[in-house]
Amino acid sequence: MDRSFSEYAREIIKYISETFPYLHFKGSDDQKIIKRWYHLRIPDKFVMKCVTEMQEDSPKTLKELGKRVEKLFKLEKKKERKEKKQLYKEGPLTTSERLQCLYDILQDVLLSLPVDNVLILEKLREISELDDELIEEQLEIFEDDFFAFLLNNLPDKDEILKKVTAKLERYRFYWDEKIYKITYKALVKKTLRERYEIPEFTIVVVD
């Protein structure tokens, strides 16, 4: 997002307040909705277009408005996301193209999570600014961070972990502890990867 958060928020809040005068941004909690849009890189023009179209069926709360904006954004991006996933798998892509595809795929995942803080995506932006020889190493670290973030924000986290534990139960007592932990972590990641169709972060890059 080229614009600062304050500029982005000011314009959107002004437009929402003018369109729906009964919706008031009273404090930091209400600002979180705008901040989430900003870090998900939902264009301000798109938000304002959605707000305009909602006038015939006005949202009752800011929370409802926020959910409807994100639902519309996700629908608009659905076809594009499918193409991005295919492109990411088949390649070949330059480093910048691959990172942009990955960003778009992960953005789609975060749109489905009920979490205010989506700053983790900014780490991927930071990685994209590194020298090429450092990118793969940082992507490997970021992959672990992202899957940990994803797991911790899922309502069925405990259920997922129970299922993974059950699958490995018969190996628990004769596997080395280190091997068990590595396998456990890999199986959790595999479960989430399959559910959200998340590709491998580190692959061979063609530049």
C-alpha atoms as a PDB file:
ATOM      1  CA  MET A   1       0.000   0.000   0.000  1.00  0.00           C
ATOM      2  CA  ASP A   2       1.673   3.220  -1.163  1.00  0.00           C
ATOM      3  CA  ARG A   3      -0.383   5.491   1.077  1.00  0.00           C
ATOM      4  CA  SER A   4       0.159   5.824   4.814  1.00  0.00           C
ATOM      5  CA  PHE A   5      -2.384   4.257   7.135  1.00  0.00           C
ATOM      6  CA  SER A   6      -3.519   7.663   8.415  1.00  0.00           C
ATOM      7  CA  GLU A   7      -4.326   8.858   4.874  1.00  0.00           C
ATOM      8  CA  TYR A   8      -6.066   5.600   4.003  1.00  0.00           C
ATOM      9  CA  ALA A   9      -8.105   5.594   7.221  1.00  0.00           C
ATOM     10  CA  ARG A  10      -9.029   9.275   7.062  1.00  0.00           C
ATOM     11  CA  GLU A  11     -10.533   8.997   3.587  1.00  0.00           C
ATOM     12  CA  ILE A  12     -12.448   5.787   4.301  1.00  0.00           C
ATOM     13  CA  ILE A  13     -13.790   6.924   7.681  1.00  0.00           C
ATOM     14  CA  LYS A  14     -14.945  10.206   6.154  1.00  0.00           C
ATOM     15  CA  TYR A  15     -16.769   8.388   3.357  1.00  0.00           C
ATOM     16  CA  ILE A  16     -18.421   5.842   5.649  1.00  0.00           C
ATOM     17  CA  SER A  17     -19.494   8.575   8.085  1.00  0.00           C
ATOM     18  CA  GLU A  18     -21.034  10.620   5.272  1.00  0.00           C
ATOM     19  CA  THR A  19     -22.819   7.599   3.776  1.00  0.00           C
ATOM     20  CA  PHE A  20     -23.985   6.096   7.073  1.00  0.00           C
ATOM     21  CA  PRO A  21     -24.051   8.924   9.682  1.00  0.00           C
ATOM     22  CA  TYR A  22     -25.262   6.517  12.379  1.00  0.00           C
ATOM     23  CA  LEU A  23     -22.033   4.492  12.205  1.00  0.00           C
ATOM     24  CA  HIS A  24     -19.486   6.089  14.528  1.00  0.00           C
ATOM     25  CA  PHE A  25     -15.781   5.292  14.852  1.00  0.00           C
ATOM     26  CA  LYS A  26     -15.516   5.658  18.618  1.00  0.00           C
ATOM     27  CA  GLY A  27     -12.073   4.302  19.389  1.00  0.00           C
ATOM     28  CA  SER A  28      -9.204   1.932  18.686  1.00  0.00           C
ATOM     29  CA  ASP A  29     -11.459  -1.128  18.397  1.00  0.00           C
ATOM     30  CA  ASP A  30     -13.365   0.428  15.504  1.00  0.00           C
ATOM     31  CA  GLN A  31     -10.080   1.522  13.914  1.00  0.00           C
ATOM     32  CA  LYS A  32      -8.988  -2.135  13.863  1.00  0.00           C
ATOM     33  CA  ILE A  33     -11.445  -2.788  11.038  1.00  0.00           C
ATOM     34  CA  ILE A  34      -9.742  -0.159   8.875  1.00  0.00           C
ATOM     35  CA  LYS A  35      -6.276  -1.317   9.922  1.00  0.00           C
ATOM     36  CA  ARG A  36      -7.105  -4.884   8.914  1.00  0.00           C
ATOM     37  CA  TRP A  37      -8.239  -3.686   5.466  1.00  0.00           C
ATOM     38  CA  TYR A  38      -5.047  -1.665   5.140  1.00  0.00           C
ATOM     39  CA  HIS A  39      -2.739  -4.573   5.930  1.00  0.00           C
ATOM     40  CA  LEU A  40      -4.779  -6.887   3.697  1.00  0.00           C
ATOM     41  CA  ARG A  41      -4.225  -4.248   0.996  1.00  0.00           C
ATOM     42  CA  ILE A  42      -7.883  -3.815   0.153  1.00  0.00           C
ATOM     43  CA  PRO A  43      -7.902  -0.673  -2.038  1.00  0.00           C
ATOM     44  CA  ASP A  44      -9.688   2.342  -0.556  1.00  0.00           C
ATOM     45  CA  LYS A  45     -11.583   2.825  -3.822  1.00  0.00           C
ATOM     46  CA  PHE A  46     -12.904  -0.728  -3.539  1.00  0.00           C
ATOM     47  CA  VAL A  47     -14.062  -0.110   0.043  1.00  0.00           C
ATOM     48  CA  MET A  48     -15.865   3.078  -0.971  1.00  0.00           C
ATOM     49  CA  LYS A  49     -17.486   1.325  -3.933  1.00  0.00           C
ATOM     50  CA  CYS A  50     -18.800  -1.370  -1.575  1.00  0.00           C
ATOM     51  CA  VAL A  51     -20.085   1.245   0.866  1.00  0.00           C
ATOM     52  CA  THR A  52     -21.936   3.013  -1.947  1.00  0.00           C
ATOM     53  CA  GLU A  53     -23.560  -0.243  -3.059  1.00  0.00           C
ATOM     54  CA  MET A  54     -24.680  -0.994   0.509  1.00  0.00           C
ATOM     55  CA  GLN A  55     -26.968   2.036   0.684  1.00  0.00           C
ATOM     56  CA  GLU A  56     -29.988  -0.006  -0.390  1.00  0.00           C
ATOM     57  CA  ASP A  57     -29.290  -2.549   2.357  1.00  0.00           C
ATOM     58  CA  SER A  58     -27.521  -0.561   5.061  1.00  0.00           C
ATOM     59  CA  PRO A  59     -25.306  -2.393   7.574  1.00  0.00           C
ATOM     60  CA  LYS A  60     -26.419  -2.104  11.199  1.00  0.00           C
ATOM     61  CA  THR A  61     -22.907  -2.011  12.660  1.00  0.00           C
ATOM     62  CA  LEU A  62     -19.319  -1.316  11.624  1.00  0.00           C
ATOM     63  CA  LYS A  63     -18.535  -4.977  12.230  1.00  0.00           C
ATOM     64  CA  GLU A  64     -21.229  -6.014   9.762  1.00  0.00           C
ATOM     65  CA  LEU A  65     -19.952  -3.484   7.233  1.00  0.00           C
ATOM     66  CA  GLY A  66     -16.424  -4.835   7.643  1.00  0.00           C
ATOM     67  CA  LYS A  67     -17.502  -8.428   7.032  1.00  0.00           C
ATOM     68  CA  ARG A  68     -19.479  -7.464   3.946  1.00  0.00           C
ATOM     69  CA  VAL A  69     -16.590  -5.499   2.430  1.00  0.00           C
ATOM     70  CA  GLU A  70     -14.223  -8.442   2.922  1.00  0.00           C
ATOM     71  CA  LYS A  71     -16.726 -10.937   1.540  1.00  0.00           C
ATOM     72  CA  LEU A  72     -17.114  -8.857  -1.625  1.00  0.00           C
ATOM     73  CA  PHE A  73     -13.342  -8.459  -1.931  1.00  0.00           C
ATOM     74  CA  LYS A  74     -12.841 -12.206  -1.581  1.00  0.00           C
ATOM     75  CA  LEU A  75     -15.491 -12.916  -4.229  1.00  0.00           C
ATOM     76  CA  GLU A  76     -13.880 -10.491  -6.644  1.00  0.00           C
ATOM     77  CA  LYS A  77     -10.491 -12.104  -6.138  1.00  0.00           C
ATOM     78  CA  LYS A  78     -11.712 -15.723  -6.284  1.00  0.00           C
ATOM     79  CA  LYS A  79     -10.980 -16.345  -9.964  1.00  0.00           C
ATOM     80  CA  GLU A  80      -7.718 -14.447  -9.755  1.00  0.00           C
ATOM     81  CA  ARG A  81      -6.616 -16.517  -6.737  1.00  0.00           C
ATOM     82  CA  LYS A  82      -7.214 -19.766  -8.636  1.00  0.00           C
ATOM     83  CA  GLU A  83      -5.050 -18.499 -11.489  1.00  0.00           C
ATOM     84  CA  LYS A  84      -2.353 -17.369  -9.050  1.00  0.00           C
ATOM     85  CA  LYS A  85      -2.189 -20.799  -7.402  1.00  0.00           C
ATOM     86  CA  GLN A  86      -1.871 -22.478 -10.782  1.00  0.00           C
ATOM     87  CA  LEU A  87       0.785 -20.025 -11.886  1.00  0.00           C
ATOM     88  CA  TYR A  88       2.699 -20.482  -8.633  1.00  0.00           C
ATOM     89  CA  LYS A  89       2.727 -24.265  -9.093  1.00  0.00           C
ATOM     90  CA  GLU A  90       3.645 -24.339 -12.763  1.00  0.00           C
ATOM     91  CA  GLY A  91       5.987 -21.346 -13.139  1.00  0.00           C
ATOM     92  CA  PRO A  92       8.637 -20.518 -14.014  1.00  0.00           C
ATOM     93  CA  LEU A  93       8.424 -17.155 -12.253  1.00  0.00           C
ATOM     94  CA  THR A  94      10.877 -14.458 -11.329  1.00  0.00           C
ATOM     95  CA  THR A  95      11.508 -13.876  -7.642  1.00  0.00           C
ATOM     96  CA  SER A  96       9.251 -10.825  -7.508  1.00  0.00           C
ATOM     97  CA  GLU A  97       6.442 -12.592  -9.414  1.00  0.00           C
ATOM     98  CA  ARG A  98       6.615 -15.618  -7.134  1.00  0.00           C
ATOM     99  CA  LEU A  99       6.516 -13.509  -3.977  1.00  0.00           C
ATOM    100  CA  GLN A 100       3.564 -11.509  -5.287  1.00  0.00           C
ATOM    101  CA  CYS A 101       1.688 -14.737  -6.088  1.00  0.00           C
ATOM    102  CA  LEU A 102       2.449 -16.067  -2.620  1.00  0.00           C
ATOM    103  CA  TYR A 103       1.297 -12.793  -1.055  1.00  0.00           C
ATOM    104  CA  ASP A 104      -2.028 -12.975  -2.898  1.00  0.00           C
ATOM    105  CA  ILE A 105      -2.560 -16.612  -1.883  1.00  0.00           C
ATOM    106  CA  LEU A 106      -1.852 -15.893   1.791  1.00  0.00           C
ATOM    107  CA  GLN A 107      -3.978 -12.753   1.684  1.00  0.00           C
ATOM    108  CA  ASP A 108      -6.893 -14.960   0.672  1.00  0.00           C
ATOM    109  CA  VAL A 109      -6.232 -17.259   3.641  1.00  0.00           C
ATOM    110  CA  LEU A 110      -6.168 -14.348   6.093  1.00  0.00           C
ATOM    111  CA  LEU A 111      -9.430 -12.997   4.715  1.00  0.00           C
ATOM    112  CA  SER A 112     -11.085 -16.119   6.123  1.00  0.00           C
ATOM    113  CA  LEU A 113      -9.720 -15.570   9.652  1.00  0.00           C
ATOM    114  CA  PRO A 114     -11.554 -13.544  12.322  1.00  0.00           C
ATOM    115  CA  VAL A 115      -8.389 -11.773  13.469  1.00  0.00           C
ATOM    116  CA  ASP A 116      -7.655  -8.046  13.613  1.00  0.00           C
ATOM    117  CA  ASN A 117      -3.872  -8.157  13.395  1.00  0.00           C
ATOM    118  CA  VAL A 118      -2.763  -9.368   9.964  1.00  0.00           C
ATOM    119  CA  LEU A 119       0.626  -7.661  10.074  1.00  0.00           C
ATOM    120  CA  ILE A 120       2.321 -10.996   9.422  1.00  0.00           C
ATOM    121  CA  LEU A 121       1.829 -10.350   5.700  1.00  0.00           C
ATOM    122  CA  GLU A 122       4.122  -7.339   5.979  1.00  0.00           C
ATOM    123  CA  LYS A 123       6.982  -9.752   6.729  1.00  0.00           C
ATOM    124  CA  LEU A 124       6.593 -11.097   3.207  1.00  0.00           C
ATOM    125  CA  ARG A 125       6.895  -7.567   1.840  1.00  0.00           C
ATOM    126  CA  GLU A 126      10.103  -7.143   3.820  1.00  0.00           C
ATOM    127  CA  ILE A 127      11.477 -10.415   2.445  1.00  0.00           C
ATOM    128  CA  SER A 128      10.785  -9.248  -1.114  1.00  0.00           C
ATOM    129  CA  GLU A 129      13.213  -6.365  -0.569  1.00  0.00           C
ATOM    130  CA  LEU A 130      16.125  -8.641   0.381  1.00  0.00           C
ATOM    131  CA  ASP A 131      18.922  -9.797  -1.899  1.00  0.00           C
ATOM    132  CA  ASP A 132      18.006 -12.961  -3.806  1.00  0.00           C
ATOM    133  CA  GLU A 133      20.504 -15.154  -1.959  1.00  0.00           C
ATOM    134  CA  LEU A 134      18.782 -14.365   1.363  1.00  0.00           C
ATOM    135  CA  ILE A 135      15.193 -14.824   0.230  1.00  0.00           C
ATOM    136  CA  GLU A 136      14.947 -18.643   0.371  1.00  0.00           C
ATOM    137  CA  GLU A 137      16.344 -18.793   3.894  1.00  0.00           C
ATOM    138  CA  GLN A 138      13.954 -16.096   5.118  1.00  0.00           C
ATOM    139  CA  LEU A 139      10.996 -17.719   3.361  1.00  0.00           C
ATOM    140  CA  GLU A 140      11.673 -20.928   5.272  1.00  0.00           C
ATOM    141  CA  ILE A 141      11.544 -19.010   8.568  1.00  0.00           C
ATOM    142  CA  PHE A 142       8.471 -17.080   7.451  1.00  0.00           C
ATOM    143  CA  GLU A 143       6.682 -20.306   6.512  1.00  0.00           C
ATOM    144  CA  ASP A 144       7.023 -21.599  10.079  1.00  0.00           C
ATOM    145  CA  ASP A 145       5.857 -18.249  11.462  1.00  0.00           C
ATOM    146  CA  PHE A 146       2.857 -18.105   9.139  1.00  0.00           C
ATOM    147  CA  PHE A 147       1.632 -21.618   9.905  1.00  0.00           C
ATOM    148  CA  ALA A 148       2.025 -20.985  13.646  1.00  0.00           C
ATOM    149  CA  PHE A 149       0.016 -17.763  13.283  1.00  0.00           C
ATOM    150  CA  LEU A 150      -2.645 -19.546  11.236  1.00  0.00           C
ATOM    151  CA  LEU A 151      -2.989 -22.406  13.720  1.00  0.00           C
ATOM    152  CA  ASN A 152      -3.208 -20.081  16.727  1.00  0.00           C
ATOM    153  CA  ASN A 153      -6.058 -18.135  15.142  1.00  0.00           C
ATOM    154  CA  LEU A 154      -8.234 -21.082  14.158  1.00  0.00           C
ATOM    155  CA  PRO A 155     -11.323 -21.786  16.279  1.00  0.00           C
ATOM    156  CA  ASP A 156     -10.738 -25.537  15.895  1.00  0.00           C
ATOM    157  CA  LYS A 157      -7.050 -25.445  16.819  1.00  0.00           C
ATOM    158  CA  ASP A 158      -7.449 -27.946  19.682  1.00  0.00           C
ATOM    159  CA  GLU A 159      -9.356 -30.362  17.471  1.00  0.00           C
ATOM    160  CA  ILE A 160      -6.638 -30.232  14.804  1.00  0.00           C
ATOM    161  CA  LEU A 161      -3.910 -30.932  17.358  1.00  0.00           C
ATOM    162  CA  LYS A 162      -5.894 -33.817  18.862  1.00  0.00           C
ATOM    163  CA  LYS A 163      -6.259 -35.449  15.446  1.00  0.00           C
ATOM    164  CA  VAL A 164      -2.543 -35.101  14.728  1.00  0.00           C
ATOM    165  CA  THR A 165      -1.682 -36.518  18.153  1.00  0.00           C
ATOM    166  CA  ALA A 166      -4.002 -39.474  17.550  1.00  0.00           C
ATOM    167  CA  LYS A 167      -2.391 -40.238  14.183  1.00  0.00           C
ATOM    168  CA  LEU A 168       1.058 -40.398  15.777  1.00  0.00           C
ATOM    169  CA  GLU A 169       0.019 -42.103  19.008  1.00  0.00           C
ATOM    170  CA  ARG A 170       1.354 -45.556  18.082  1.00  0.00           C
ATOM    171  CA  TYR A 171       4.807 -44.107  17.313  1.00  0.00           C
ATOM    172  CA  ARG A 172       5.021 -41.982  20.456  1.00  0.00           C
ATOM    173  CA  PHE A 173       6.780 -44.484  22.679  1.00  0.00           C
ATOM    174  CA  TYR A 174       9.472 -45.871  20.394  1.00  0.00           C
ATOM    175  CA  TRP A 175      10.380 -42.880  18.227  1.00  0.00           C
ATOM    176  CA  ASP A 176      13.173 -40.595  19.331  1.00  0.00           C
ATOM    177  CA  GLU A 177      11.673 -37.438  20.931  1.00  0.00           C
ATOM    178  CA  LYS A 178      13.295 -35.157  18.361  1.00  0.00           C
ATOM    179  CA  ILE A 179      11.952 -37.203  15.432  1.00  0.00           C
ATOM    180  CA  TYR A 180       8.489 -37.256  17.000  1.00  0.00           C
ATOM    181  CA  LYS A 181       8.415 -33.457  17.392  1.00  0.00           C
ATOM    182  CA  ILE A 182       9.626 -32.859  13.834  1.00  0.00           C
ATOM    183  CA  THR A 183       7.021 -35.268  12.443  1.00  0.00           C
ATOM    184  CA  TYR A 184       4.282 -33.758  14.618  1.00  0.00           C
ATOM    185  CA  LYS A 185       5.065 -30.248  13.392  1.00  0.00           C
ATOM    186  CA  ALA A 186       5.218 -31.413   9.763  1.00  0.00           C
ATOM    187  CA  LEU A 187       1.858 -33.192  10.050  1.00  0.00           C
ATOM    188  CA  VAL A 188       0.184 -30.113  11.549  1.00  0.00           C
ATOM    189  CA  LYS A 189       1.561 -28.023   8.708  1.00  0.00           C
ATOM    190  CA  LYS A 190       0.440 -30.607   6.127  1.00  0.00           C
ATOM    191  CA  THR A 191      -3.082 -30.543   7.579  1.00  0.00           C
ATOM    192  CA  LEU A 192      -3.303 -26.755   7.288  1.00  0.00           C
ATOM    193  CA  ARG A 193      -1.637 -26.706   3.878  1.00  0.00           C
ATOM    194  CA  GLU A 194      -4.230 -29.106   2.476  1.00  0.00           C
ATOM    195  CA  ARG A 195      -7.174 -27.320   4.077  1.00  0.00           C
ATOM    196  CA  TYR A 196      -6.225 -23.902   2.684  1.00  0.00           C
ATOM    197  CA  GLU A 197      -4.392 -25.072  -0.457  1.00  0.00           C
ATOM    198  CA  ILE A 198      -1.209 -23.299   0.593  1.00  0.00           C
ATOM    199  CA  PRO A 199       1.806 -24.055  -1.628  1.00  0.00           C
ATOM    200  CA  GLU A 200       5.378 -24.608  -0.529  1.00  0.00           C
ATOM    201  CA  PHE A 201       7.035 -21.268   0.202  1.00  0.00           C
ATOM    202  CA  THR A 202      10.534 -22.276  -0.866  1.00  0.00           C
ATOM    203  CA  ILE A 203      11.033 -23.504  -4.423  1.00  0.00           C
ATOM    204  CA  VAL A 204      13.615 -23.102  -7.158  1.00  0.00           C
ATOM    205  CA  VAL A 205      13.482 -19.600  -8.598  1.00  0.00           C
ATOM    206  CA  VAL A 206      14.168 -18.642 -12.214  1.00  0.00           C
ATOM    207  CA  ASP A 207      15.376 -15.073 -12.765  1.00  0.00           C
END
